[in-house]
Amino acid sequence: MQIKNPTWYLKTPCPCCGQGSPSFCMCPTCGYLTVICEEMGDTFINPKNLELGFTEICPNCKQTKTVEFVLADTDNILKAGFTKDDYE
């Protein structure tokens, strides 16, 4: 039996699609945390500044494509400086 991480969402509305909130994901290579618009499939460069736009490759390690990113867990979200009031 495999247990999957829950999907955590930023409480900020998605500026990409205007529907719902972006979900937290992370690079499996370097652990870089960001958010993705599940409606459009676009990955934001910086989860703390969604206005910076999107990326298709990890902005940290520049090796991993964002389509390979995995769901982020609570520990990774908190380590990135978010508080429990920032996501649900």
C-alpha atoms as a PDB file:
ATOM      1  CA  MET A   1       0.000   0.000   0.000  1.00  0.00           C
ATOM      2  CA  GLN A   2       1.379   3.370  -1.021  1.00  0.00           C
ATOM      3  CA  ILE A   3       0.471   6.498   0.935  1.00  0.00           C
ATOM      4  CA  LYS A   4       0.405   9.721  -1.061  1.00  0.00           C
ATOM      5  CA  ASN A   5       1.025  13.230   0.247  1.00  0.00           C
ATOM      6  CA  PRO A   6      -2.032  15.444   0.442  1.00  0.00           C
ATOM      7  CA  THR A   7      -2.245  18.353  -1.963  1.00  0.00           C
ATOM      8  CA  TRP A   8      -1.716  21.697  -0.226  1.00  0.00           C
ATOM      9  CA  TYR A   9      -2.952  24.941  -1.774  1.00  0.00           C
ATOM     10  CA  LEU A  10      -1.758  28.504  -1.410  1.00  0.00           C
ATOM     11  CA  LYS A  11      -4.582  30.627   0.004  1.00  0.00           C
ATOM     12  CA  THR A  12      -3.835  33.298  -2.616  1.00  0.00           C
ATOM     13  CA  PRO A  13      -6.146  33.150  -5.658  1.00  0.00           C
ATOM     14  CA  CYS A  14      -4.432  31.997  -8.832  1.00  0.00           C
ATOM     15  CA  PRO A  15      -3.561  34.976 -11.064  1.00  0.00           C
ATOM     16  CA  CYS A  16      -3.123  32.614 -14.026  1.00  0.00           C
ATOM     17  CA  CYS A  17      -6.629  31.210 -14.329  1.00  0.00           C
ATOM     18  CA  GLY A  18      -8.597  33.127 -11.693  1.00  0.00           C
ATOM     19  CA  GLN A  19     -10.098  29.826 -10.523  1.00  0.00           C
ATOM     20  CA  GLY A  20      -9.015  28.329  -7.234  1.00  0.00           C
ATOM     21  CA  SER A  21      -5.567  28.463  -5.717  1.00  0.00           C
ATOM     22  CA  PRO A  22      -2.186  27.160  -6.925  1.00  0.00           C
ATOM     23  CA  SER A  23      -0.952  23.909  -5.369  1.00  0.00           C
ATOM     24  CA  PHE A  24       2.465  23.419  -3.787  1.00  0.00           C
ATOM     25  CA  CYS A  25       5.013  21.276  -5.613  1.00  0.00           C
ATOM     26  CA  MET A  26       8.747  20.783  -5.454  1.00  0.00           C
ATOM     27  CA  CYS A  27      11.704  19.745  -7.561  1.00  0.00           C
ATOM     28  CA  PRO A  28      12.645  16.113  -6.846  1.00  0.00           C
ATOM     29  CA  THR A  29      16.286  16.872  -7.691  1.00  0.00           C
ATOM     30  CA  CYS A  30      17.057  19.865  -5.449  1.00  0.00           C
ATOM     31  CA  GLY A  31      13.932  20.350  -3.301  1.00  0.00           C
ATOM     32  CA  TYR A  32      13.039  23.804  -4.679  1.00  0.00           C
ATOM     33  CA  LEU A  33       9.470  24.604  -3.621  1.00  0.00           C
ATOM     34  CA  THR A  34       6.989  26.493  -5.768  1.00  0.00           C
ATOM     35  CA  VAL A  35       3.329  26.389  -6.824  1.00  0.00           C
ATOM     36  CA  ILE A  36       1.495  25.281  -9.942  1.00  0.00           C
ATOM     37  CA  CYS A  37      -1.811  26.334 -11.499  1.00  0.00           C
ATOM     38  CA  GLU A  38      -3.653  23.030 -11.737  1.00  0.00           C
ATOM     39  CA  GLU A  39      -6.156  24.455 -14.234  1.00  0.00           C
ATOM     40  CA  MET A  40      -3.575  25.653 -16.785  1.00  0.00           C
ATOM     41  CA  GLY A  41      -0.593  23.479 -15.790  1.00  0.00           C
ATOM     42  CA  ASP A  42       1.767  26.449 -15.478  1.00  0.00           C
ATOM     43  CA  THR A  43       4.449  26.429 -12.766  1.00  0.00           C
ATOM     44  CA  PHE A  44       5.285  29.740 -11.114  1.00  0.00           C
ATOM     45  CA  ILE A  45       8.933  30.825 -10.814  1.00  0.00           C
ATOM     46  CA  ASN A  46       8.518  32.027  -7.218  1.00  0.00           C
ATOM     47  CA  PRO A  47       5.711  30.970  -4.859  1.00  0.00           C
ATOM     48  CA  LYS A  48       6.054  34.176  -2.845  1.00  0.00           C
ATOM     49  CA  ASN A  49       5.817  36.446  -5.896  1.00  0.00           C
ATOM     50  CA  LEU A  50       3.428  34.996  -8.467  1.00  0.00           C
ATOM     51  CA  GLU A  51       3.786  38.103 -10.628  1.00  0.00           C
ATOM     52  CA  LEU A  52       7.266  36.940 -11.734  1.00  0.00           C
ATOM     53  CA  GLY A  53       5.616  34.542 -14.155  1.00  0.00           C
ATOM     54  CA  PHE A  54       6.175  30.927 -15.089  1.00  0.00           C
ATOM     55  CA  THR A  55       8.971  28.483 -15.768  1.00  0.00           C
ATOM     56  CA  GLU A  56       9.320  25.102 -17.455  1.00  0.00           C
ATOM     57  CA  ILE A  57      12.584  24.208 -15.720  1.00  0.00           C
ATOM     58  CA  CYS A  58      13.549  24.371 -12.047  1.00  0.00           C
ATOM     59  CA  PRO A  59      14.806  27.919 -11.374  1.00  0.00           C
ATOM     60  CA  ASN A  60      17.172  26.581  -8.717  1.00  0.00           C
ATOM     61  CA  CYS A  61      19.017  23.563 -10.192  1.00  0.00           C
ATOM     62  CA  LYS A  62      18.131  24.293 -13.835  1.00  0.00           C
ATOM     63  CA  GLN A  63      18.096  20.534 -14.506  1.00  0.00           C
ATOM     64  CA  THR A  64      14.598  19.250 -13.846  1.00  0.00           C
ATOM     65  CA  LYS A  65      11.531  20.011 -15.941  1.00  0.00           C
ATOM     66  CA  THR A  66       8.590  21.266 -13.911  1.00  0.00           C
ATOM     67  CA  VAL A  67       6.371  18.466 -15.261  1.00  0.00           C
ATOM     68  CA  GLU A  68       8.536  16.159 -13.119  1.00  0.00           C
ATOM     69  CA  PHE A  69       7.864  18.099  -9.894  1.00  0.00           C
ATOM     70  CA  VAL A  70       6.191  16.233  -7.029  1.00  0.00           C
ATOM     71  CA  LEU A  71       3.672  17.280  -4.390  1.00  0.00           C
ATOM     72  CA  ALA A  72       5.238  19.206  -1.521  1.00  0.00           C
ATOM     73  CA  ASP A  73       4.633  18.086   2.035  1.00  0.00           C
ATOM     74  CA  THR A  74       3.958  20.246   5.076  1.00  0.00           C
ATOM     75  CA  ASP A  75       7.580  20.178   6.256  1.00  0.00           C
ATOM     76  CA  ASN A  76       8.872  21.497   2.919  1.00  0.00           C
ATOM     77  CA  ILE A  77       6.244  24.248   2.846  1.00  0.00           C
ATOM     78  CA  LEU A  78       7.132  25.387   6.366  1.00  0.00           C
ATOM     79  CA  LYS A  79      10.899  25.217   5.628  1.00  0.00           C
ATOM     80  CA  ALA A  80      10.310  27.548   2.657  1.00  0.00           C
ATOM     81  CA  GLY A  81       9.010  30.203   5.067  1.00  0.00           C
ATOM     82  CA  PHE A  82       5.253  29.761   4.721  1.00  0.00           C
ATOM     83  CA  THR A  83       3.046  29.594   7.797  1.00  0.00           C
ATOM     84  CA  LYS A  84      -0.020  27.426   8.343  1.00  0.00           C
ATOM     85  CA  ASP A  85      -2.111  30.550   7.662  1.00  0.00           C
ATOM     86  CA  ASP A  86      -0.671  30.756   4.117  1.00  0.00           C
ATOM     87  CA  TYR A  87      -2.000  27.417   2.834  1.00  0.00           C
ATOM     88  CA  GLU A  88      -4.809  24.913   3.186  1.00  0.00           C
END
